């Protein structure tokens, strides 16, 4: 049976975000926190849309690791294929 996810405090989340590399942190905040689309993030940062997607993905992976894989919301939690 999988472990039940626990809540993360806002302080823990902010500390984890602060530990992200600059590019990942900026792309993550713009996309997942502020709600910009990848093409908008790319334009703001002067990078390609693919780079925006990659940076957000890397940020999510790093945050999961930093926060001990606890659920911190739908942006970071994806259901597994076998889950019902």
PDB file of N, CA and C in Angstrom:
ATOM      1  N   UNK A   1       0.851  -1.177   0.000  1.00  0.00           N
ATOM      2  CA  UNK A   1       0.000   0.000   0.000  1.00  0.00           C
ATOM      3  C   UNK A   1       0.897   1.241   0.000  1.00  0.00           C
ATOM      4  N   UNK A   2       0.642   2.213  -0.911  1.00  0.00           N
ATOM      5  CA  UNK A   2       1.467   3.417  -0.959  1.00  0.00           C
ATOM      6  C   UNK A   2       1.269   4.280   0.278  1.00  0.00           C
ATOM      7  N   UNK A   3       2.311   5.024   0.613  1.00  0.00           N
ATOM      8  CA  UNK A   3       2.231   5.922   1.757  1.00  0.00           C
ATOM      9  C   UNK A   3       1.232   7.033   1.464  1.00  0.00           C
ATOM     10  N   UNK A   4       0.542   7.461   2.505  1.00  0.00           N
ATOM     11  CA  UNK A   4      -0.420   8.542   2.369  1.00  0.00           C
ATOM     12  C   UNK A   4       0.355   9.860   2.380  1.00  0.00           C
ATOM     13  N   UNK A   5       0.151  10.704   1.359  1.00  0.00           N
ATOM     14  CA  UNK A   5       0.869  11.966   1.326  1.00  0.00           C
ATOM     15  C   UNK A   5       0.471  12.867   2.488  1.00  0.00           C
ATOM     16  N   UNK A   6       1.395  13.689   2.929  1.00  0.00           N
ATOM     17  CA  UNK A   6       1.107  14.626   4.000  1.00  0.00           C
ATOM     18  C   UNK A   6       1.215  16.046   3.476  1.00  0.00           C
ATOM     19  N   UNK A   7       0.665  16.973   4.221  1.00  0.00           N
ATOM     20  CA  UNK A   7       0.704  18.372   3.807  1.00  0.00           C
ATOM     21  C   UNK A   7       2.096  18.948   4.034  1.00  0.00           C
ATOM     22  N   UNK A   8       2.413  19.963   3.264  1.00  0.00           N
ATOM     23  CA  UNK A   8       3.680  20.669   3.383  1.00  0.00           C
ATOM     24  C   UNK A   8       3.351  22.090   3.828  1.00  0.00           C
ATOM     25  N   UNK A   9       4.104  22.593   4.778  1.00  0.00           N
ATOM     26  CA  UNK A   9       3.858  23.960   5.210  1.00  0.00           C
ATOM     27  C   UNK A   9       4.341  24.931   4.148  1.00  0.00           C
ATOM     28  N   UNK A  10       3.752  26.084   4.153  1.00  0.00           N
ATOM     29  CA  UNK A  10       4.152  27.121   3.197  1.00  0.00           C
ATOM     30  C   UNK A  10       5.621  27.482   3.382  1.00  0.00           C
ATOM     31  N   UNK A  11       6.071  27.513   4.616  1.00  0.00           N
ATOM     32  CA  UNK A  11       7.469  27.839   4.909  1.00  0.00           C
ATOM     33  C   UNK A  11       8.397  26.792   4.309  1.00  0.00           C
ATOM     34  N   UNK A  12       8.059  25.500   4.479  1.00  0.00           N
ATOM     35  CA  UNK A  12       8.879  24.431   3.900  1.00  0.00           C
ATOM     36  C   UNK A  12       8.917  24.540   2.382  1.00  0.00           C
ATOM     37  N   UNK A  13       7.773  24.838   1.792  1.00  0.00           N
ATOM     38  CA  UNK A  13       7.705  24.968   0.342  1.00  0.00           C
ATOM     39  C   UNK A  13       8.544  26.151  -0.129  1.00  0.00           C
ATOM     40  N   UNK A  14       8.436  27.286   0.538  1.00  0.00           N
ATOM     41  CA  UNK A  14       9.225  28.461   0.155  1.00  0.00           C
ATOM     42  C   UNK A  14      10.723  28.192   0.291  1.00  0.00           C
ATOM     43  N   UNK A  15      11.107  27.492   1.343  1.00  0.00           N
ATOM     44  CA  UNK A  15      12.525  27.152   1.528  1.00  0.00           C
ATOM     45  C   UNK A  15      13.013  26.226   0.419  1.00  0.00           C
ATOM     46  N   UNK A  16      12.178  25.264   0.043  1.00  0.00           N
ATOM     47  CA  UNK A  16      12.554  24.327  -1.019  1.00  0.00           C
ATOM     48  C   UNK A  16      12.667  25.066  -2.355  1.00  0.00           C
ATOM     49  N   UNK A  17      11.727  25.946  -2.641  1.00  0.00           N
ATOM     50  CA  UNK A  17      11.776  26.713  -3.889  1.00  0.00           C
ATOM     51  C   UNK A  17      13.042  27.561  -3.930  1.00  0.00           C
ATOM     52  N   UNK A  18      13.418  28.130  -2.792  1.00  0.00           N
ATOM     53  CA  UNK A  18      14.624  28.963  -2.723  1.00  0.00           C
ATOM     54  C   UNK A  18      15.893  28.172  -3.035  1.00  0.00           C
ATOM     55  N   UNK A  19      15.858  26.858  -2.837  1.00  0.00           N
ATOM     56  CA  UNK A  19      17.026  26.010  -3.092  1.00  0.00           C
ATOM     57  C   UNK A  19      17.163  25.600  -4.557  1.00  0.00           C
ATOM     58  N   UNK A  20      16.149  25.877  -5.358  1.00  0.00           N
ATOM     59  CA  UNK A  20      16.215  25.512  -6.772  1.00  0.00           C
ATOM     60  C   UNK A  20      17.233  26.377  -7.499  1.00  0.00           C
ATOM     61  N   UNK A  21      17.871  25.824  -8.537  1.00  0.00           N
ATOM     62  CA  UNK A  21      18.746  26.650  -9.376  1.00  0.00           C
ATOM     63  C   UNK A  21      17.932  27.808  -9.976  1.00  0.00           C
ATOM     64  N   UNK A  22      18.584  28.920 -10.246  1.00  0.00           N
ATOM     65  CA  UNK A  22      17.887  30.128 -10.697  1.00  0.00           C
ATOM     66  C   UNK A  22      16.918  29.898 -11.854  1.00  0.00           C
ATOM     67  N   UNK A  23      17.367  29.263 -12.919  1.00  0.00           N
ATOM     68  CA  UNK A  23      16.516  29.055 -14.091  1.00  0.00           C
ATOM     69  C   UNK A  23      15.287  28.224 -13.780  1.00  0.00           C
ATOM     70  N   UNK A  24      15.489  27.142 -13.033  1.00  0.00           N
ATOM     71  CA  UNK A  24      14.371  26.276 -12.652  1.00  0.00           C
ATOM     72  C   UNK A  24      13.392  27.026 -11.756  1.00  0.00           C
ATOM     73  N   UNK A  25      13.940  27.751 -10.783  1.00  0.00           N
ATOM     74  CA  UNK A  25      13.092  28.485  -9.835  1.00  0.00           C
ATOM     75  C   UNK A  25      12.243  29.521 -10.564  1.00  0.00           C
ATOM     76  N   UNK A  26      12.870  30.290 -11.433  1.00  0.00           N
ATOM     77  CA  UNK A  26      12.138  31.340 -12.135  1.00  0.00           C
ATOM     78  C   UNK A  26      11.045  30.763 -13.019  1.00  0.00           C
ATOM     79  N   UNK A  27      11.376  29.736 -13.796  1.00  0.00           N
ATOM     80  CA  UNK A  27      10.388  29.110 -14.681  1.00  0.00           C
ATOM     81  C   UNK A  27       9.259  28.480 -13.861  1.00  0.00           C
ATOM     82  N   UNK A  28       9.596  27.807 -12.756  1.00  0.00           N
ATOM     83  CA  UNK A  28       8.589  27.184 -11.902  1.00  0.00           C
ATOM     84  C   UNK A  28       7.630  28.222 -11.332  1.00  0.00           C
ATOM     85  N   UNK A  29       8.177  29.290 -10.782  1.00  0.00           N
ATOM     86  CA  UNK A  29       7.334  30.324 -10.170  1.00  0.00           C
ATOM     87  C   UNK A  29       6.436  30.969 -11.221  1.00  0.00           C
ATOM     88  N   UNK A  30       6.998  31.302 -12.372  1.00  0.00           N
ATOM     89  CA  UNK A  30       6.186  31.913 -13.417  1.00  0.00           C
ATOM     90  C   UNK A  30       5.070  30.983 -13.898  1.00  0.00           C
ATOM     91  N   UNK A  31       5.398  29.705 -14.088  1.00  0.00           N
ATOM     92  CA  UNK A  31       4.413  28.769 -14.639  1.00  0.00           C
ATOM     93  C   UNK A  31       3.462  28.219 -13.576  1.00  0.00           C
ATOM     94  N   UNK A  32       4.003  27.591 -12.543  1.00  0.00           N
ATOM     95  CA  UNK A  32       3.161  26.887 -11.578  1.00  0.00           C
ATOM     96  C   UNK A  32       2.581  27.789 -10.487  1.00  0.00           C
ATOM     97  N   UNK A  33       3.237  28.885 -10.181  1.00  0.00           N
ATOM     98  CA  UNK A  33       2.729  29.772  -9.131  1.00  0.00           C
ATOM     99  C   UNK A  33       1.934  30.932  -9.742  1.00  0.00           C
ATOM    100  N   UNK A  34       2.537  31.609 -10.718  1.00  0.00           N
ATOM    101  CA  UNK A  34       1.889  32.783 -11.307  1.00  0.00           C
ATOM    102  C   UNK A  34       0.891  32.429 -12.415  1.00  0.00           C
ATOM    103  N   UNK A  35       1.008  31.237 -12.989  1.00  0.00           N
ATOM    104  CA  UNK A  35       0.030  30.772 -13.970  1.00  0.00           C
ATOM    105  C   UNK A  35       0.312  31.122 -15.425  1.00  0.00           C
ATOM    106  N   UNK A  36       1.527  31.553 -15.735  1.00  0.00           N
ATOM    107  CA  UNK A  36       1.863  31.834 -17.128  1.00  0.00           C
ATOM    108  C   UNK A  36       1.950  30.532 -17.925  1.00  0.00           C
ATOM    109  N   UNK A  37       1.605  30.612 -19.205  1.00  0.00           N
ATOM    110  CA  UNK A  37       1.751  29.474 -20.110  1.00  0.00           C
ATOM    111  C   UNK A  37       3.232  29.350 -20.483  1.00  0.00           C
ATOM    112  N   UNK A  38       3.633  28.156 -20.947  1.00  0.00           N
ATOM    113  CA  UNK A  38       5.042  27.940 -21.288  1.00  0.00           C
ATOM    114  C   UNK A  38       5.545  28.923 -22.351  1.00  0.00           C
ATOM    115  N   UNK A  39       4.719  29.214 -23.336  1.00  0.00           N
ATOM    116  CA  UNK A  39       5.177  30.144 -24.377  1.00  0.00           C
ATOM    117  C   UNK A  39       5.402  31.535 -23.788  1.00  0.00           C
ATOM    118  N   UNK A  40       4.617  31.906 -22.778  1.00  0.00           N
ATOM    119  CA  UNK A  40       4.800  33.202 -22.124  1.00  0.00           C
ATOM    120  C   UNK A  40       6.065  33.211 -21.257  1.00  0.00           C
ATOM    121  N   UNK A  41       6.287  32.115 -20.542  1.00  0.00           N
ATOM    122  CA  UNK A  41       7.495  31.994 -19.723  1.00  0.00           C
ATOM    123  C   UNK A  41       8.719  32.084 -20.633  1.00  0.00           C
ATOM    124  N   UNK A  42       8.662  31.375 -21.740  1.00  0.00           N
ATOM    125  CA  UNK A  42       9.780  31.375 -22.684  1.00  0.00           C
ATOM    126  C   UNK A  42      10.072  32.795 -23.179  1.00  0.00           C
ATOM    127  N   UNK A  43       9.030  33.515 -23.522  1.00  0.00           N
ATOM    128  CA  UNK A  43       9.210  34.882 -24.007  1.00  0.00           C
ATOM    129  C   UNK A  43       9.784  35.786 -22.911  1.00  0.00           C
ATOM    130  N   UNK A  44       9.262  35.671 -21.698  1.00  0.00           N
ATOM    131  CA  UNK A  44       9.751  36.493 -20.586  1.00  0.00           C
ATOM    132  C   UNK A  44      11.224  36.227 -20.273  1.00  0.00           C
ATOM    133  N   UNK A  45      11.624  34.952 -20.374  1.00  0.00           N
ATOM    134  CA  UNK A  45      12.988  34.569 -20.003  1.00  0.00           C
ATOM    135  C   UNK A  45      13.956  34.566 -21.190  1.00  0.00           C
ATOM    136  N   UNK A  46      13.430  34.740 -22.392  1.00  0.00           N
ATOM    137  CA  UNK A  46      14.285  34.727 -23.567  1.00  0.00           C
ATOM    138  C   UNK A  46      14.844  33.355 -23.892  1.00  0.00           C
ATOM    139  N   UNK A  47      14.014  32.330 -23.657  1.00  0.00           N
ATOM    140  CA  UNK A  47      14.410  30.953 -23.944  1.00  0.00           C
ATOM    141  C   UNK A  47      13.339  30.312 -24.823  1.00  0.00           C
ATOM    142  N   UNK A  48      13.596  29.086 -25.272  1.00  0.00           N
ATOM    143  CA  UNK A  48      12.595  28.389 -26.071  1.00  0.00           C
ATOM    144  C   UNK A  48      11.496  27.829 -25.161  1.00  0.00           C
ATOM    145  N   UNK A  49      10.363  27.504 -25.769  1.00  0.00           N
ATOM    146  CA  UNK A  49       9.268  26.900 -25.021  1.00  0.00           C
ATOM    147  C   UNK A  49       9.701  25.547 -24.443  1.00  0.00           C
ATOM    148  N   UNK A  50      10.495  24.810 -25.194  1.00  0.00           N
ATOM    149  CA  UNK A  50      11.003  23.522 -24.714  1.00  0.00           C
ATOM    150  C   UNK A  50      11.872  23.690 -23.475  1.00  0.00           C
ATOM    151  N   UNK A  51      12.671  24.747 -23.449  1.00  0.00           N
ATOM    152  CA  UNK A  51      13.503  25.012 -22.276  1.00  0.00           C
ATOM    153  C   UNK A  51      12.633  25.350 -21.077  1.00  0.00           C
ATOM    154  N   UNK A  52      11.575  26.115 -21.297  1.00  0.00           N
ATOM    155  CA  UNK A  52      10.641  26.432 -20.213  1.00  0.00           C
ATOM    156  C   UNK A  52      10.060  25.140 -19.630  1.00  0.00           C
ATOM    157  N   UNK A  53       9.590  24.272 -20.495  1.00  0.00           N
ATOM    158  CA  UNK A  53       9.005  22.998 -20.042  1.00  0.00           C
ATOM    159  C   UNK A  53      10.026  22.170 -19.278  1.00  0.00           C
ATOM    160  N   UNK A  54      11.234  22.117 -19.802  1.00  0.00           N
ATOM    161  CA  UNK A  54      12.298  21.349 -19.163  1.00  0.00           C
ATOM    162  C   UNK A  54      12.643  21.903 -17.784  1.00  0.00           C
ATOM    163  N   UNK A  55      12.749  23.216 -17.674  1.00  0.00           N
ATOM    164  CA  UNK A  55      13.097  23.835 -16.398  1.00  0.00           C
ATOM    165  C   UNK A  55      12.007  23.602 -15.350  1.00  0.00           C
ATOM    166  N   UNK A  56      10.751  23.706 -15.746  1.00  0.00           N
ATOM    167  CA  UNK A  56       9.645  23.455 -14.813  1.00  0.00           C
ATOM    168  C   UNK A  56       9.657  21.990 -14.373  1.00  0.00           C
ATOM    169  N   UNK A  57       9.882  21.089 -15.315  1.00  0.00           N
ATOM    170  CA  UNK A  57       9.939  19.665 -14.987  1.00  0.00           C
ATOM    171  C   UNK A  57      11.071  19.383 -13.995  1.00  0.00           C
ATOM    172  N   UNK A  58      12.244  19.930 -14.256  1.00  0.00           N
ATOM    173  CA  UNK A  58      13.382  19.744 -13.351  1.00  0.00           C
ATOM    174  C   UNK A  58      13.085  20.321 -11.972  1.00  0.00           C
ATOM    175  N   UNK A  59      12.426  21.467 -11.942  1.00  0.00           N
ATOM    176  CA  UNK A  59      12.071  22.083 -10.661  1.00  0.00           C
ATOM    177  C   UNK A  59      11.121  21.188  -9.867  1.00  0.00           C
ATOM    178  N   UNK A  60      10.116  20.631 -10.535  1.00  0.00           N
ATOM    179  CA  UNK A  60       9.165  19.744  -9.855  1.00  0.00           C
ATOM    180  C   UNK A  60       9.866  18.510  -9.287  1.00  0.00           C
ATOM    181  N   UNK A  61      10.766  17.918 -10.072  1.00  0.00           N
ATOM    182  CA  UNK A  61      11.500  16.743  -9.592  1.00  0.00           C
ATOM    183  C   UNK A  61      12.338  17.085  -8.366  1.00  0.00           C
ATOM    184  N   UNK A  62      13.036  18.208  -8.434  1.00  0.00           N
ATOM    185  CA  UNK A  62      13.888  18.636  -7.315  1.00  0.00           C
ATOM    186  C   UNK A  62      13.036  18.934  -6.081  1.00  0.00           C
ATOM    187  N   UNK A  63      11.889  19.579  -6.268  1.00  0.00           N
ATOM    188  CA  UNK A  63      11.017  19.882  -5.133  1.00  0.00           C
ATOM    189  C   UNK A  63      10.494  18.603  -4.479  1.00  0.00           C
ATOM    190  N   UNK A  64      10.113  17.633  -5.297  1.00  0.00           N
ATOM    191  CA  UNK A  64       9.658  16.352  -4.738  1.00  0.00           C
ATOM    192  C   UNK A  64      10.745  15.749  -3.856  1.00  0.00           C
ATOM    193  N   UNK A  65      11.976  15.798  -4.346  1.00  0.00           N
ATOM    194  CA  UNK A  65      13.103  15.241  -3.589  1.00  0.00           C
ATOM    195  C   UNK A  65      13.331  16.046  -2.305  1.00  0.00           C
ATOM    196  N   UNK A  66      13.353  17.362  -2.426  1.00  0.00           N
ATOM    197  CA  UNK A  66      13.595  18.214  -1.273  1.00  0.00           C
ATOM    198  C   UNK A  66      12.506  18.090  -0.209  1.00  0.00           C
ATOM    199  N   UNK A  67      11.290  17.882  -0.645  1.00  0.00           N
ATOM    200  CA  UNK A  67      10.157  17.818   0.280  1.00  0.00           C
ATOM    201  C   UNK A  67       9.790  16.393   0.673  1.00  0.00           C
ATOM    202  N   UNK A  68      10.594  15.439   0.292  1.00  0.00           N
ATOM    203  CA  UNK A  68      10.339  14.060   0.682  1.00  0.00           C
ATOM    204  C   UNK A  68       9.163  13.423  -0.017  1.00  0.00           C
ATOM    205  N   UNK A  69       8.895  13.860  -1.239  1.00  0.00           N
ATOM    206  CA  UNK A  69       7.830  13.295  -2.078  1.00  0.00           C
ATOM    207  C   UNK A  69       6.455  13.403  -1.445  1.00  0.00           C
ATOM    208  N   UNK A  70       6.220  14.449  -0.685  1.00  0.00           N
ATOM    209  CA  UNK A  70       4.879  14.672  -0.123  1.00  0.00           C
ATOM    210  C   UNK A  70       4.050  15.423  -1.142  1.00  0.00           C
ATOM    211  N   UNK A  71       2.761  15.292  -1.045  1.00  0.00           N
ATOM    212  CA  UNK A  71       1.868  15.966  -1.991  1.00  0.00           C
ATOM    213  C   UNK A  71       1.825  17.455  -1.669  1.00  0.00           C
ATOM    214  N   UNK A  72       2.093  18.269  -2.685  1.00  0.00           N
ATOM    215  CA  UNK A  72       2.016  19.707  -2.452  1.00  0.00           C
ATOM    216  C   UNK A  72       1.076  20.365  -3.450  1.00  0.00           C
ATOM    217  N   UNK A  73       0.192  19.582  -4.000  1.00  0.00           N
ATOM    218  CA  UNK A  73      -0.799  20.163  -4.897  1.00  0.00           C
ATOM    219  C   UNK A  73      -0.800  19.492  -6.249  1.00  0.00           C
ATOM    220  N   UNK A  74      -1.842  19.749  -7.027  1.00  0.00           N
ATOM    221  CA  UNK A  74      -2.005  19.082  -8.313  1.00  0.00           C
ATOM    222  C   UNK A  74      -0.899  19.391  -9.306  1.00  0.00           C
ATOM    223  N   UNK A  75      -0.242  20.506  -9.190  1.00  0.00           N
ATOM    224  CA  UNK A  75       0.824  20.830 -10.141  1.00  0.00           C
ATOM    225  C   UNK A  75       1.999  19.877 -10.006  1.00  0.00           C
ATOM    226  N   UNK A  76       2.186  19.318  -8.810  1.00  0.00           N
ATOM    227  CA  UNK A  76       3.326  18.436  -8.599  1.00  0.00           C
ATOM    228  C   UNK A  76       2.924  16.983  -8.416  1.00  0.00           C
ATOM    229  N   UNK A  77       1.673  16.714  -8.275  1.00  0.00           N
ATOM    230  CA  UNK A  77       1.212  15.357  -8.007  1.00  0.00           C
ATOM    231  C   UNK A  77       0.492  14.821  -9.226  1.00  0.00           C
ATOM    232  N   UNK A  78       1.013  13.780  -9.808  1.00  0.00           N
ATOM    233  CA  UNK A  78       0.368  13.158 -10.965  1.00  0.00           C
ATOM    234  C   UNK A  78      -0.026  11.732 -10.592  1.00  0.00           C
ATOM    235  N   UNK A  79      -1.254  11.330 -10.913  1.00  0.00           N
ATOM    236  CA  UNK A  79      -1.675   9.964 -10.575  1.00  0.00           C
ATOM    237  C   UNK A  79      -0.897   8.948 -11.390  1.00  0.00           C
ATOM    238  N   UNK A  80      -0.592   7.832 -10.774  1.00  0.00           N
ATOM    239  CA  UNK A  80       0.106   6.766 -11.491  1.00  0.00           C
ATOM    240  C   UNK A  80      -0.885   6.042 -12.391  1.00  0.00           C
ATOM    241  N   UNK A  81      -0.357   5.360 -13.407  1.00  0.00           N
ATOM    242  CA  UNK A  81      -1.206   4.703 -14.391  1.00  0.00           C
ATOM    243  C   UNK A  81      -2.087   3.615 -13.784  1.00  0.00           C
ATOM    244  N   UNK A  82      -1.568   2.898 -12.800  1.00  0.00           N
ATOM    245  CA  UNK A  82      -2.329   1.807 -12.224  1.00  0.00           C
ATOM    246  C   UNK A  82      -3.254   2.214 -11.084  1.00  0.00           C
ATOM    247  N   UNK A  83      -3.277   3.444 -10.751  1.00  0.00           N
ATOM    248  CA  UNK A  83      -4.085   3.935  -9.634  1.00  0.00           C
ATOM    249  C   UNK A  83      -5.528   4.166 -10.048  1.00  0.00           C
ATOM    250  N   UNK A  84      -6.462   3.823  -9.188  1.00  0.00           N
ATOM    251  CA  UNK A  84      -7.884   4.034  -9.486  1.00  0.00           C
ATOM    252  C   UNK A  84      -8.557   4.743  -8.358  1.00  0.00           C
TER     253      UNK A  84
END
